[in-house]
Amino acid sequence: MSPTVRTEDLVDAKEVAELLGLSHSNATSTYLHRYPDMPRPVVDRGPNRARLWLRPEIEAWARTRAPQATKPQEALPGGPSPAKPGQRPPRTGN
């Protein structure tokens, strides 16, 4: 028998990026190459096709990576605050 997946637990690259605090869904692909311990998509139909991950796996992985995920500029006093999921980071400069 095939494993059962709750459809409401499936998330696409955009949602993965939001869960990880990334600014763009393309960064999800970069993370897949950079972090071998990142959960792999449960649905991967090939190049230029949708990939789907399990939300609980991404959330659990994000909790283990939280200290490393902080960008250097955000760690500096006076640096910009990190954006919340679904929110743009604050504008800097002019």
N, C-alpha and C. Protein backbone atom coordinates (compact mmCIF):
# COMPACT_ATOMS: atom_id res chain seq x y z
N MET A 1 0.84 -1.18 0.00
CA MET A 1 0.00 0.00 0.00
C MET A 1 0.89 1.25 0.00
N SER A 2 0.53 2.24 -0.77
CA SER A 2 1.29 3.49 -0.85
C SER A 2 1.07 4.33 0.40
N PRO A 3 2.08 5.13 0.77
CA PRO A 3 1.90 6.01 1.93
C PRO A 3 0.82 7.04 1.66
N THR A 4 0.13 7.42 2.72
CA THR A 4 -0.94 8.42 2.61
C THR A 4 -0.42 9.77 3.03
N VAL A 5 -0.78 10.80 2.28
CA VAL A 5 -0.36 12.17 2.57
C VAL A 5 -1.60 13.03 2.72
N ARG A 6 -1.62 13.84 3.75
CA ARG A 6 -2.73 14.80 3.90
C ARG A 6 -2.48 15.94 2.93
N THR A 7 -3.41 16.18 2.03
CA THR A 7 -3.21 17.21 1.00
C THR A 7 -3.01 18.59 1.60
N GLU A 8 -3.60 18.86 2.74
CA GLU A 8 -3.43 20.18 3.37
C GLU A 8 -2.01 20.38 3.92
N ASP A 9 -1.23 19.30 4.00
CA ASP A 9 0.16 19.40 4.44
C ASP A 9 1.13 19.66 3.29
N LEU A 10 0.65 19.62 2.05
CA LEU A 10 1.52 19.85 0.90
C LEU A 10 1.72 21.34 0.67
N VAL A 11 2.98 21.74 0.47
CA VAL A 11 3.31 23.14 0.22
C VAL A 11 4.22 23.23 -1.00
N ASP A 12 4.06 24.31 -1.77
CA ASP A 12 4.90 24.51 -2.95
C ASP A 12 6.13 25.34 -2.58
N ALA A 13 6.96 25.64 -3.56
CA ALA A 13 8.21 26.37 -3.31
C ALA A 13 7.97 27.74 -2.69
N LYS A 14 6.90 28.41 -3.09
CA LYS A 14 6.59 29.73 -2.53
C LYS A 14 6.31 29.62 -1.03
N GLU A 15 5.50 28.63 -0.65
CA GLU A 15 5.19 28.45 0.76
C GLU A 15 6.41 27.99 1.56
N VAL A 16 7.26 27.15 0.96
CA VAL A 16 8.50 26.73 1.63
C VAL A 16 9.36 27.97 1.89
N ALA A 17 9.49 28.83 0.89
CA ALA A 17 10.28 30.06 1.05
C ALA A 17 9.73 30.91 2.19
N GLU A 18 8.41 31.03 2.27
CA GLU A 18 7.80 31.81 3.35
C GLU A 18 8.09 31.18 4.71
N LEU A 19 7.97 29.85 4.80
CA LEU A 19 8.23 29.16 6.06
C LEU A 19 9.68 29.33 6.51
N LEU A 20 10.59 29.42 5.54
CA LEU A 20 12.01 29.55 5.86
C LEU A 20 12.46 31.00 5.97
N GLY A 21 11.55 31.94 5.70
CA GLY A 21 11.91 33.35 5.77
C GLY A 21 12.72 33.83 4.59
N LEU A 22 12.59 33.14 3.45
CA LEU A 22 13.32 33.52 2.24
C LEU A 22 12.51 34.54 1.46
N SER A 23 13.19 35.41 0.74
CA SER A 23 12.50 36.49 0.05
C SER A 23 11.92 36.07 -1.30
N HIS A 24 12.35 34.96 -1.85
CA HIS A 24 11.88 34.56 -3.17
C HIS A 24 11.78 33.05 -3.26
N SER A 25 10.77 32.56 -3.96
CA SER A 25 10.58 31.11 -4.05
C SER A 25 11.73 30.41 -4.76
N ASN A 26 12.47 31.12 -5.64
CA ASN A 26 13.62 30.49 -6.30
C ASN A 26 14.71 30.11 -5.31
N ALA A 27 14.75 30.78 -4.16
CA ALA A 27 15.75 30.46 -3.15
C ALA A 27 15.55 29.05 -2.60
N THR A 28 14.34 28.51 -2.71
CA THR A 28 14.08 27.15 -2.25
C THR A 28 14.97 26.16 -3.00
N SER A 29 15.11 26.35 -4.29
CA SER A 29 15.97 25.48 -5.10
C SER A 29 17.43 25.61 -4.66
N THR A 30 17.86 26.83 -4.37
CA THR A 30 19.22 27.06 -3.89
C THR A 30 19.45 26.31 -2.59
N TYR A 31 18.46 26.39 -1.68
CA TYR A 31 18.58 25.68 -0.41
C TYR A 31 18.68 24.17 -0.63
N LEU A 32 17.95 23.62 -1.58
CA LEU A 32 18.02 22.18 -1.85
C LEU A 32 19.44 21.76 -2.21
N HIS A 33 20.14 22.61 -2.96
CA HIS A 33 21.51 22.30 -3.36
C HIS A 33 22.51 22.58 -2.24
N ARG A 34 22.26 23.60 -1.45
CA ARG A 34 23.19 24.03 -0.41
C ARG A 34 23.13 23.17 0.85
N TYR A 35 21.94 22.70 1.20
CA TYR A 35 21.74 21.98 2.46
C TYR A 35 21.27 20.56 2.19
N PRO A 36 22.18 19.59 2.22
CA PRO A 36 21.79 18.21 1.92
C PRO A 36 20.79 17.62 2.92
N ASP A 37 20.69 18.23 4.11
CA ASP A 37 19.75 17.72 5.10
C ASP A 37 18.35 18.33 4.97
N MET A 38 18.17 19.25 4.02
CA MET A 38 16.84 19.83 3.81
C MET A 38 15.91 18.74 3.29
N PRO A 39 14.67 18.70 3.81
CA PRO A 39 13.73 17.70 3.30
C PRO A 39 13.55 17.81 1.79
N ARG A 40 13.48 16.68 1.14
CA ARG A 40 13.28 16.63 -0.31
C ARG A 40 11.79 16.71 -0.62
N PRO A 41 11.46 17.20 -1.79
CA PRO A 41 10.04 17.24 -2.17
C PRO A 41 9.45 15.83 -2.19
N VAL A 42 8.21 15.71 -1.79
CA VAL A 42 7.53 14.41 -1.87
C VAL A 42 6.93 14.22 -3.25
N VAL A 43 6.75 15.34 -3.98
CA VAL A 43 6.31 15.30 -5.37
C VAL A 43 7.28 16.15 -6.18
N ASP A 44 7.95 15.53 -7.14
CA ASP A 44 8.87 16.25 -8.02
C ASP A 44 8.66 15.70 -9.42
N ARG A 45 7.94 16.45 -10.24
CA ARG A 45 7.58 15.99 -11.57
C ARG A 45 8.62 16.33 -12.62
N GLY A 46 9.77 16.86 -12.20
CA GLY A 46 10.84 17.15 -13.15
C GLY A 46 11.05 18.63 -13.35
N PRO A 47 12.00 18.99 -14.22
CA PRO A 47 12.35 20.39 -14.45
C PRO A 47 11.13 21.22 -14.90
N ASN A 48 11.07 22.43 -14.38
CA ASN A 48 10.02 23.39 -14.72
C ASN A 48 8.61 22.90 -14.38
N ARG A 49 8.52 21.99 -13.43
CA ARG A 49 7.23 21.48 -12.97
C ARG A 49 7.16 21.69 -11.47
N ALA A 50 5.98 21.71 -10.95
CA ALA A 50 5.78 21.96 -9.52
C ALA A 50 6.42 20.88 -8.66
N ARG A 51 7.00 21.33 -7.56
CA ARG A 51 7.50 20.43 -6.51
C ARG A 51 6.66 20.70 -5.27
N LEU A 52 6.40 19.65 -4.52
CA LEU A 52 5.62 19.80 -3.30
C LEU A 52 6.35 19.13 -2.14
N TRP A 53 6.36 19.82 -1.00
CA TRP A 53 6.97 19.33 0.22
C TRP A 53 5.89 19.11 1.26
N LEU A 54 6.26 18.40 2.32
CA LEU A 54 5.36 18.25 3.46
C LEU A 54 5.65 19.37 4.46
N ARG A 55 4.64 20.16 4.76
CA ARG A 55 4.80 21.29 5.69
C ARG A 55 5.44 20.87 7.02
N PRO A 56 4.97 19.78 7.67
CA PRO A 56 5.59 19.41 8.95
C PRO A 56 7.09 19.13 8.84
N GLU A 57 7.53 18.55 7.73
CA GLU A 57 8.96 18.29 7.55
C GLU A 57 9.75 19.59 7.41
N ILE A 58 9.21 20.54 6.65
CA ILE A 58 9.89 21.83 6.46
C ILE A 58 9.91 22.60 7.78
N GLU A 59 8.79 22.60 8.50
CA GLU A 59 8.75 23.32 9.77
C GLU A 59 9.74 22.74 10.77
N ALA A 60 9.82 21.41 10.85
CA ALA A 60 10.77 20.77 11.77
C ALA A 60 12.21 21.10 11.37
N TRP A 61 12.51 21.06 10.07
CA TRP A 61 13.85 21.37 9.60
C TRP A 61 14.20 22.83 9.88
N ALA A 62 13.24 23.71 9.66
CA ALA A 62 13.48 25.14 9.90
C ALA A 62 13.83 25.39 11.38
N ARG A 63 13.17 24.66 12.28
CA ARG A 63 13.48 24.84 13.71
C ARG A 63 14.91 24.42 14.02
N THR A 64 15.41 23.41 13.36
CA THR A 64 16.79 22.96 13.61
C THR A 64 17.81 23.91 13.01
N ARG A 65 17.41 24.70 12.01
CA ARG A 65 18.32 25.60 11.31
C ARG A 65 18.22 27.04 11.79
N ALA A 66 17.30 27.34 12.67
CA ALA A 66 17.02 28.72 13.06
C ALA A 66 18.27 29.54 13.38
N PRO A 67 19.21 29.06 14.21
CA PRO A 67 20.38 29.89 14.50
C PRO A 67 21.25 30.16 13.28
N GLN A 68 21.37 29.20 12.36
CA GLN A 68 22.20 29.39 11.18
C GLN A 68 21.50 30.21 10.11
N ALA A 69 20.17 30.29 10.15
CA ALA A 69 19.41 30.94 9.09
C ALA A 69 19.47 32.47 9.16
N THR A 70 19.93 33.02 10.28
CA THR A 70 19.99 34.47 10.41
C THR A 70 21.04 35.03 9.46
N LYS A 71 20.64 36.01 8.69
CA LYS A 71 21.57 36.64 7.76
C LYS A 71 22.51 37.54 8.54
N PRO A 72 23.78 37.66 8.13
CA PRO A 72 24.74 38.46 8.88
C PRO A 72 24.27 39.89 9.12
N GLN A 73 23.69 40.56 8.14
CA GLN A 73 23.27 41.95 8.33
C GLN A 73 22.17 42.06 9.37
N GLU A 74 21.35 41.02 9.52
CA GLU A 74 20.29 41.06 10.51
C GLU A 74 20.83 40.85 11.92
N ALA A 75 21.98 40.22 12.02
CA ALA A 75 22.56 39.95 13.33
C ALA A 75 23.29 41.17 13.88
N LEU A 76 23.60 42.13 13.03
CA LEU A 76 24.32 43.31 13.48
C LEU A 76 23.39 44.30 14.16
N PRO A 77 23.85 44.96 15.22
CA PRO A 77 23.02 45.99 15.84
C PRO A 77 22.71 47.07 14.80
N GLY A 78 21.47 47.46 14.75
CA GLY A 78 21.06 48.50 13.81
C GLY A 78 20.77 47.97 12.42
N GLY A 79 20.96 46.66 12.21
CA GLY A 79 20.65 46.07 10.91
C GLY A 79 19.15 45.95 10.74
N PRO A 80 18.69 45.71 9.53
CA PRO A 80 17.26 45.60 9.30
C PRO A 80 16.66 44.41 10.02
N SER A 81 15.42 44.52 10.40
CA SER A 81 14.71 43.43 11.05
C SER A 81 14.35 42.38 10.01
N PRO A 82 14.35 41.11 10.39
CA PRO A 82 13.95 40.09 9.43
C PRO A 82 12.48 40.23 9.09
N ALA A 83 12.13 39.90 7.86
CA ALA A 83 10.74 39.98 7.43
C ALA A 83 9.98 38.78 7.99
N LYS A 84 8.73 39.00 8.34
CA LYS A 84 7.87 37.91 8.76
C LYS A 84 7.36 37.23 7.50
N PRO A 85 6.98 35.94 7.59
CA PRO A 85 6.47 35.27 6.40
C PRO A 85 5.34 36.06 5.75
N GLY A 86 5.44 36.20 4.43
CA GLY A 86 4.43 36.94 3.70
C GLY A 86 4.59 38.44 3.74
N GLN A 87 5.67 38.92 4.32
CA GLN A 87 5.90 40.35 4.47
C GLN A 87 7.25 40.71 3.84
N ARG A 88 7.30 41.86 3.18
CA ARG A 88 8.56 42.31 2.58
C ARG A 88 9.48 42.84 3.65
N PRO A 89 10.81 42.67 3.46
CA PRO A 89 11.74 43.24 4.44
C PRO A 89 11.70 44.76 4.37
N PRO A 90 12.10 45.43 5.46
CA PRO A 90 12.08 46.88 5.46
C PRO A 90 13.04 47.45 4.42
N ARG A 91 12.68 48.59 3.84
CA ARG A 91 13.52 49.25 2.85
C ARG A 91 14.66 49.96 3.55
N THR A 92 15.82 49.92 2.92
CA THR A 92 16.98 50.61 3.48
C THR A 92 17.51 51.57 2.43
N GLY A 93 18.29 52.52 2.86
CA GLY A 93 18.90 53.47 1.92
C GLY A 93 17.97 54.61 1.60
N ASN A 94 18.09 55.13 0.36
CA ASN A 94 17.30 56.29 -0.04
C ASN A 94 15.86 55.99 -0.20
